[in-house]
């Protein structure tokens, strides 16, 4: 999770920093808007499109009722954050609005979104501005060089077969 990108997505659309957003991992959703909204897309480089027209990331833009927000394929990074004015209005479970699919907890009905779901949106603040930009110097940089990471087997390590474990841990 990229907390800085999550906070930036919220700030672009006039939400509190910790309000719930949509997180897209490796590929983006296709969302048809039922009300006019201001949207900000941050994090991994996945170009947003309104009715097929590309929009800038790290910038707030308007999506009108009836328009569809889609995404190009991910170019860099892993997680893209989609902030929507008013925030995603789902209950807080165990201190978070995140979805934990394996435990069927939190988020939207404790599961990933599926076609025809209607995502509840909270109260939109007044004077949400379109065209707000997070300057380049404040955005997280994409690391092109290889870096070494330390790894500890986690909660679901037992779900990975032995060959996959060997491959994952190989130099």
C-alpha atoms as a PDB file:
ATOM      1  CA  UNK A   1       0.000   0.000   0.000  1.00  0.00           C
ATOM      2  CA  UNK A   2       1.197   3.498  -0.854  1.00  0.00           C
ATOM      3  CA  UNK A   3      -0.172   5.737   1.903  1.00  0.00           C
ATOM      4  CA  UNK A   4       1.261   8.889   0.329  1.00  0.00           C
ATOM      5  CA  UNK A   5      -0.549   8.231  -2.975  1.00  0.00           C
ATOM      6  CA  UNK A   6      -3.762   7.394  -1.096  1.00  0.00           C
ATOM      7  CA  UNK A   7      -3.579  10.667   0.828  1.00  0.00           C
ATOM      8  CA  UNK A   8      -2.781  12.616  -2.355  1.00  0.00           C
ATOM      9  CA  UNK A   9      -5.804  11.122  -4.164  1.00  0.00           C
ATOM     10  CA  UNK A  10      -8.029  12.285  -1.312  1.00  0.00           C
ATOM     11  CA  UNK A  11      -6.528  15.761  -1.112  1.00  0.00           C
ATOM     12  CA  UNK A  12      -7.016  16.262  -4.868  1.00  0.00           C
ATOM     13  CA  UNK A  13     -10.768  15.765  -4.498  1.00  0.00           C
ATOM     14  CA  UNK A  14     -11.349  17.666  -1.242  1.00  0.00           C
ATOM     15  CA  UNK A  15     -11.628  14.648   1.059  1.00  0.00           C
ATOM     16  CA  UNK A  16      -9.919  14.055   4.387  1.00  0.00           C
ATOM     17  CA  UNK A  17      -6.532  12.358   3.936  1.00  0.00           C
ATOM     18  CA  UNK A  18      -7.724   9.052   5.390  1.00  0.00           C
ATOM     19  CA  UNK A  19     -11.060   8.750   3.591  1.00  0.00           C
ATOM     20  CA  UNK A  20     -11.681   5.553   1.653  1.00  0.00           C
ATOM     21  CA  UNK A  21     -10.648   5.431  -2.012  1.00  0.00           C
ATOM     22  CA  UNK A  22     -10.711   2.700  -4.622  1.00  0.00           C
ATOM     23  CA  UNK A  23      -7.439   0.800  -4.954  1.00  0.00           C
ATOM     24  CA  UNK A  24      -6.737  -0.806  -8.333  1.00  0.00           C
ATOM     25  CA  UNK A  25      -4.013  -3.455  -8.348  1.00  0.00           C
ATOM     26  CA  UNK A  26      -2.343  -4.067 -11.739  1.00  0.00           C
ATOM     27  CA  UNK A  27      -5.498  -3.207 -13.709  1.00  0.00           C
ATOM     28  CA  UNK A  28      -8.177  -0.577 -13.371  1.00  0.00           C
ATOM     29  CA  UNK A  29     -11.937  -0.846 -13.140  1.00  0.00           C
ATOM     30  CA  UNK A  30     -14.501   0.586 -15.506  1.00  0.00           C
ATOM     31  CA  UNK A  31     -16.811   2.871 -13.547  1.00  0.00           C
ATOM     32  CA  UNK A  32     -20.007   4.489 -14.808  1.00  0.00           C
ATOM     33  CA  UNK A  33     -20.791   7.591 -12.777  1.00  0.00           C
ATOM     34  CA  UNK A  34     -24.375   8.244 -11.699  1.00  0.00           C
ATOM     35  CA  UNK A  35     -23.628  11.739 -10.330  1.00  0.00           C
ATOM     36  CA  UNK A  36     -21.192  14.505 -11.263  1.00  0.00           C
ATOM     37  CA  UNK A  37     -17.946  13.911  -9.358  1.00  0.00           C
ATOM     38  CA  UNK A  38     -14.393  15.138  -9.046  1.00  0.00           C
ATOM     39  CA  UNK A  39     -11.793  12.380  -9.341  1.00  0.00           C
ATOM     40  CA  UNK A  40      -8.047  12.182  -8.656  1.00  0.00           C
ATOM     41  CA  UNK A  41      -5.906   9.219  -9.727  1.00  0.00           C
ATOM     42  CA  UNK A  42      -2.494   8.693  -8.091  1.00  0.00           C
ATOM     43  CA  UNK A  43       0.049   5.954  -7.407  1.00  0.00           C
ATOM     44  CA  UNK A  44       0.982   3.443 -10.103  1.00  0.00           C
ATOM     45  CA  UNK A  45       1.057   4.777 -13.647  1.00  0.00           C
ATOM     46  CA  UNK A  46      -2.309   3.736 -15.059  1.00  0.00           C
ATOM     47  CA  UNK A  47      -3.705   6.474 -17.319  1.00  0.00           C
ATOM     48  CA  UNK A  48      -7.383   7.251 -16.601  1.00  0.00           C
ATOM     49  CA  UNK A  49      -9.796   7.822 -19.490  1.00  0.00           C
ATOM     50  CA  UNK A  50     -13.218   9.437 -19.505  1.00  0.00           C
ATOM     51  CA  UNK A  51     -15.281   7.928 -22.315  1.00  0.00           C
ATOM     52  CA  UNK A  52     -11.981   6.925 -23.947  1.00  0.00           C
ATOM     53  CA  UNK A  53     -10.317  10.356 -23.622  1.00  0.00           C
ATOM     54  CA  UNK A  54      -7.060  10.250 -21.573  1.00  0.00           C
ATOM     55  CA  UNK A  55      -6.780  12.413 -18.448  1.00  0.00           C
ATOM     56  CA  UNK A  56      -3.741  13.304 -16.360  1.00  0.00           C
ATOM     57  CA  UNK A  57      -2.874  11.421 -13.202  1.00  0.00           C
ATOM     58  CA  UNK A  58      -2.026  13.363 -10.030  1.00  0.00           C
ATOM     59  CA  UNK A  59      -4.581  15.981 -11.174  1.00  0.00           C
ATOM     60  CA  UNK A  60      -8.212  16.479 -10.166  1.00  0.00           C
ATOM     61  CA  UNK A  61     -10.705  16.239 -13.022  1.00  0.00           C
ATOM     62  CA  UNK A  62     -14.461  16.125 -13.430  1.00  0.00           C
ATOM     63  CA  UNK A  63     -16.507  13.104 -14.419  1.00  0.00           C
ATOM     64  CA  UNK A  64     -20.100  13.938 -15.342  1.00  0.00           C
ATOM     65  CA  UNK A  65     -23.101  11.743 -14.561  1.00  0.00           C
ATOM     66  CA  UNK A  66     -23.428   9.157 -17.337  1.00  0.00           C
ATOM     67  CA  UNK A  67     -19.728   9.189 -18.239  1.00  0.00           C
ATOM     68  CA  UNK A  68     -17.480   6.152 -17.861  1.00  0.00           C
ATOM     69  CA  UNK A  69     -14.066   6.225 -16.211  1.00  0.00           C
ATOM     70  CA  UNK A  70     -11.746   3.504 -17.492  1.00  0.00           C
ATOM     71  CA  UNK A  71      -8.000   2.933 -17.468  1.00  0.00           C
ATOM     72  CA  UNK A  72      -5.130   2.032 -19.773  1.00  0.00           C
ATOM     73  CA  UNK A  73      -2.858  -0.834 -18.802  1.00  0.00           C
ATOM     74  CA  UNK A  74      -0.497  -0.313 -15.878  1.00  0.00           C
ATOM     75  CA  UNK A  75       2.907   0.994 -17.014  1.00  0.00           C
ATOM     76  CA  UNK A  76       4.780   1.343 -13.700  1.00  0.00           C
ATOM     77  CA  UNK A  77       4.070   0.519 -10.083  1.00  0.00           C
ATOM     78  CA  UNK A  78       1.417  -1.848  -8.793  1.00  0.00           C
ATOM     79  CA  UNK A  79      -1.345   0.053  -7.011  1.00  0.00           C
ATOM     80  CA  UNK A  80      -3.342   2.965  -8.350  1.00  0.00           C
ATOM     81  CA  UNK A  81      -5.586   5.014  -6.072  1.00  0.00           C
ATOM     82  CA  UNK A  82      -8.852   6.516  -7.297  1.00  0.00           C
ATOM     83  CA  UNK A  83     -10.106   9.305  -5.062  1.00  0.00           C
ATOM     84  CA  UNK A  84     -13.725  10.362  -5.580  1.00  0.00           C
ATOM     85  CA  UNK A  85     -15.159  13.561  -4.083  1.00  0.00           C
ATOM     86  CA  UNK A  86     -17.113  12.545  -0.986  1.00  0.00           C
ATOM     87  CA  UNK A  87     -15.035   9.392  -0.482  1.00  0.00           C
ATOM     88  CA  UNK A  88     -16.123   5.781  -0.699  1.00  0.00           C
ATOM     89  CA  UNK A  89     -18.702   5.491   2.072  1.00  0.00           C
ATOM     90  CA  UNK A  90     -18.287   1.990   3.466  1.00  0.00           C
ATOM     91  CA  UNK A  91     -18.358   1.005   7.158  1.00  0.00           C
ATOM     92  CA  UNK A  92     -15.255   0.983   9.312  1.00  0.00           C
ATOM     93  CA  UNK A  93     -14.415  -2.599  10.308  1.00  0.00           C
ATOM     94  CA  UNK A  94     -11.524  -3.258  12.708  1.00  0.00           C
ATOM     95  CA  UNK A  95     -10.385   0.348  12.266  1.00  0.00           C
ATOM     96  CA  UNK A  96     -10.278   0.290   8.461  1.00  0.00           C
ATOM     97  CA  UNK A  97     -12.483   0.655   5.397  1.00  0.00           C
ATOM     98  CA  UNK A  98     -10.294  -1.758   3.411  1.00  0.00           C
ATOM     99  CA  UNK A  99     -11.624  -5.005   2.010  1.00  0.00           C
ATOM    100  CA  UNK A 100     -10.167  -8.242   3.340  1.00  0.00           C
ATOM    101  CA  UNK A 101     -11.590 -10.713   0.813  1.00  0.00           C
ATOM    102  CA  UNK A 102     -10.292 -13.926   2.403  1.00  0.00           C
ATOM    103  CA  UNK A 103     -11.997 -13.045   5.654  1.00  0.00           C
ATOM    104  CA  UNK A 104     -15.043 -11.511   3.917  1.00  0.00           C
ATOM    105  CA  UNK A 105     -14.525  -8.371   6.019  1.00  0.00           C
ATOM    106  CA  UNK A 106     -14.756  -4.653   5.415  1.00  0.00           C
ATOM    107  CA  UNK A 107     -14.931  -2.627   2.244  1.00  0.00           C
ATOM    108  CA  UNK A 108     -17.956  -3.155   0.042  1.00  0.00           C
ATOM    109  CA  UNK A 109     -19.760  -6.204   1.446  1.00  0.00           C
ATOM    110  CA  UNK A 110     -16.414  -7.831   2.323  1.00  0.00           C
ATOM    111  CA  UNK A 111     -15.645  -8.740  -1.285  1.00  0.00           C
ATOM    112  CA  UNK A 112     -14.090  -7.315  -4.442  1.00  0.00           C
ATOM    113  CA  UNK A 113     -16.348  -5.140  -6.564  1.00  0.00           C
ATOM    114  CA  UNK A 114     -18.282  -6.857  -9.341  1.00  0.00           C
ATOM    115  CA  UNK A 115     -20.241  -5.631 -12.342  1.00  0.00           C
ATOM    116  CA  UNK A 116     -23.321  -3.539 -11.485  1.00  0.00           C
ATOM    117  CA  UNK A 117     -22.250  -2.800  -7.901  1.00  0.00           C
ATOM    118  CA  UNK A 118     -23.201   0.736  -6.872  1.00  0.00           C
ATOM    119  CA  UNK A 119     -20.410   2.194  -4.767  1.00  0.00           C
ATOM    120  CA  UNK A 120     -21.746   4.420  -1.969  1.00  0.00           C
ATOM    121  CA  UNK A 121     -20.213   7.905  -1.945  1.00  0.00           C
ATOM    122  CA  UNK A 122     -20.116  10.179   1.100  1.00  0.00           C
ATOM    123  CA  UNK A 123     -21.024  13.842   1.417  1.00  0.00           C
ATOM    124  CA  UNK A 124     -19.101  16.065  -0.996  1.00  0.00           C
ATOM    125  CA  UNK A 125     -17.511  19.167   0.475  1.00  0.00           C
ATOM    126  CA  UNK A 126     -18.260  22.531  -1.060  1.00  0.00           C
ATOM    127  CA  UNK A 127     -15.799  24.192  -3.438  1.00  0.00           C
ATOM    128  CA  UNK A 128     -14.032  21.053  -4.673  1.00  0.00           C
ATOM    129  CA  UNK A 129     -11.752  22.318  -7.429  1.00  0.00           C
ATOM    130  CA  UNK A 130     -10.994  20.808 -10.812  1.00  0.00           C
ATOM    131  CA  UNK A 131      -7.437  21.035 -12.157  1.00  0.00           C
ATOM    132  CA  UNK A 132      -5.549  20.793  -8.856  1.00  0.00           C
ATOM    133  CA  UNK A 133      -2.145  19.214  -9.557  1.00  0.00           C
ATOM    134  CA  UNK A 134       0.266  17.460  -7.188  1.00  0.00           C
ATOM    135  CA  UNK A 135       3.654  18.806  -8.378  1.00  0.00           C
ATOM    136  CA  UNK A 136       6.154  16.297  -9.766  1.00  0.00           C
ATOM    137  CA  UNK A 137       8.611  16.908  -6.905  1.00  0.00           C
ATOM    138  CA  UNK A 138       6.062  15.593  -4.379  1.00  0.00           C
ATOM    139  CA  UNK A 139       5.238  12.398  -6.271  1.00  0.00           C
ATOM    140  CA  UNK A 140       6.857   9.088  -5.448  1.00  0.00           C
ATOM    141  CA  UNK A 141       9.643   8.242  -7.871  1.00  0.00           C
ATOM    142  CA  UNK A 142       9.638   5.009  -9.860  1.00  0.00           C
ATOM    143  CA  UNK A 143      12.788   3.037  -9.048  1.00  0.00           C
ATOM    144  CA  UNK A 144      14.374   1.723 -12.244  1.00  0.00           C
ATOM    145  CA  UNK A 145      17.369  -0.017 -10.632  1.00  0.00           C
ATOM    146  CA  UNK A 146      17.190  -3.347  -8.862  1.00  0.00           C
ATOM    147  CA  UNK A 147      17.081  -3.124  -5.113  1.00  0.00           C
ATOM    148  CA  UNK A 148      17.430  -5.845  -2.515  1.00  0.00           C
ATOM    149  CA  UNK A 149      14.518  -6.442  -0.203  1.00  0.00           C
ATOM    150  CA  UNK A 150      14.421  -8.562   2.904  1.00  0.00           C
ATOM    151  CA  UNK A 151      11.529 -10.981   3.142  1.00  0.00           C
ATOM    152  CA  UNK A 152       9.861 -12.819   5.973  1.00  0.00           C
ATOM    153  CA  UNK A 153       7.312 -15.568   5.343  1.00  0.00           C
ATOM    154  CA  UNK A 154       3.900 -14.170   6.190  1.00  0.00           C
ATOM    155  CA  UNK A 155       0.492 -15.378   7.210  1.00  0.00           C
ATOM    156  CA  UNK A 156      -0.250 -17.143   3.902  1.00  0.00           C
ATOM    157  CA  UNK A 157       3.213 -18.554   3.142  1.00  0.00           C
ATOM    158  CA  UNK A 158       1.764 -22.054   3.621  1.00  0.00           C
ATOM    159  CA  UNK A 159      -0.476 -21.488   0.581  1.00  0.00           C
ATOM    160  CA  UNK A 160       2.532 -21.337  -1.770  1.00  0.00           C
ATOM    161  CA  UNK A 161       3.895 -24.634  -3.109  1.00  0.00           C
ATOM    162  CA  UNK A 162       7.534 -25.619  -2.488  1.00  0.00           C
ATOM    163  CA  UNK A 163       8.713 -24.969  -6.064  1.00  0.00           C
ATOM    164  CA  UNK A 164       7.209 -21.467  -6.029  1.00  0.00           C
ATOM    165  CA  UNK A 165       8.902 -20.757  -2.691  1.00  0.00           C
ATOM    166  CA  UNK A 166      12.287 -21.816  -4.131  1.00  0.00           C
ATOM    167  CA  UNK A 167      11.766 -19.695  -7.249  1.00  0.00           C
ATOM    168  CA  UNK A 168      10.685 -16.678  -5.207  1.00  0.00           C
ATOM    169  CA  UNK A 169      13.706 -16.900  -2.902  1.00  0.00           C
ATOM    170  CA  UNK A 170      16.272 -17.576  -5.660  1.00  0.00           C
ATOM    171  CA  UNK A 171      18.809 -14.870  -6.556  1.00  0.00           C
END
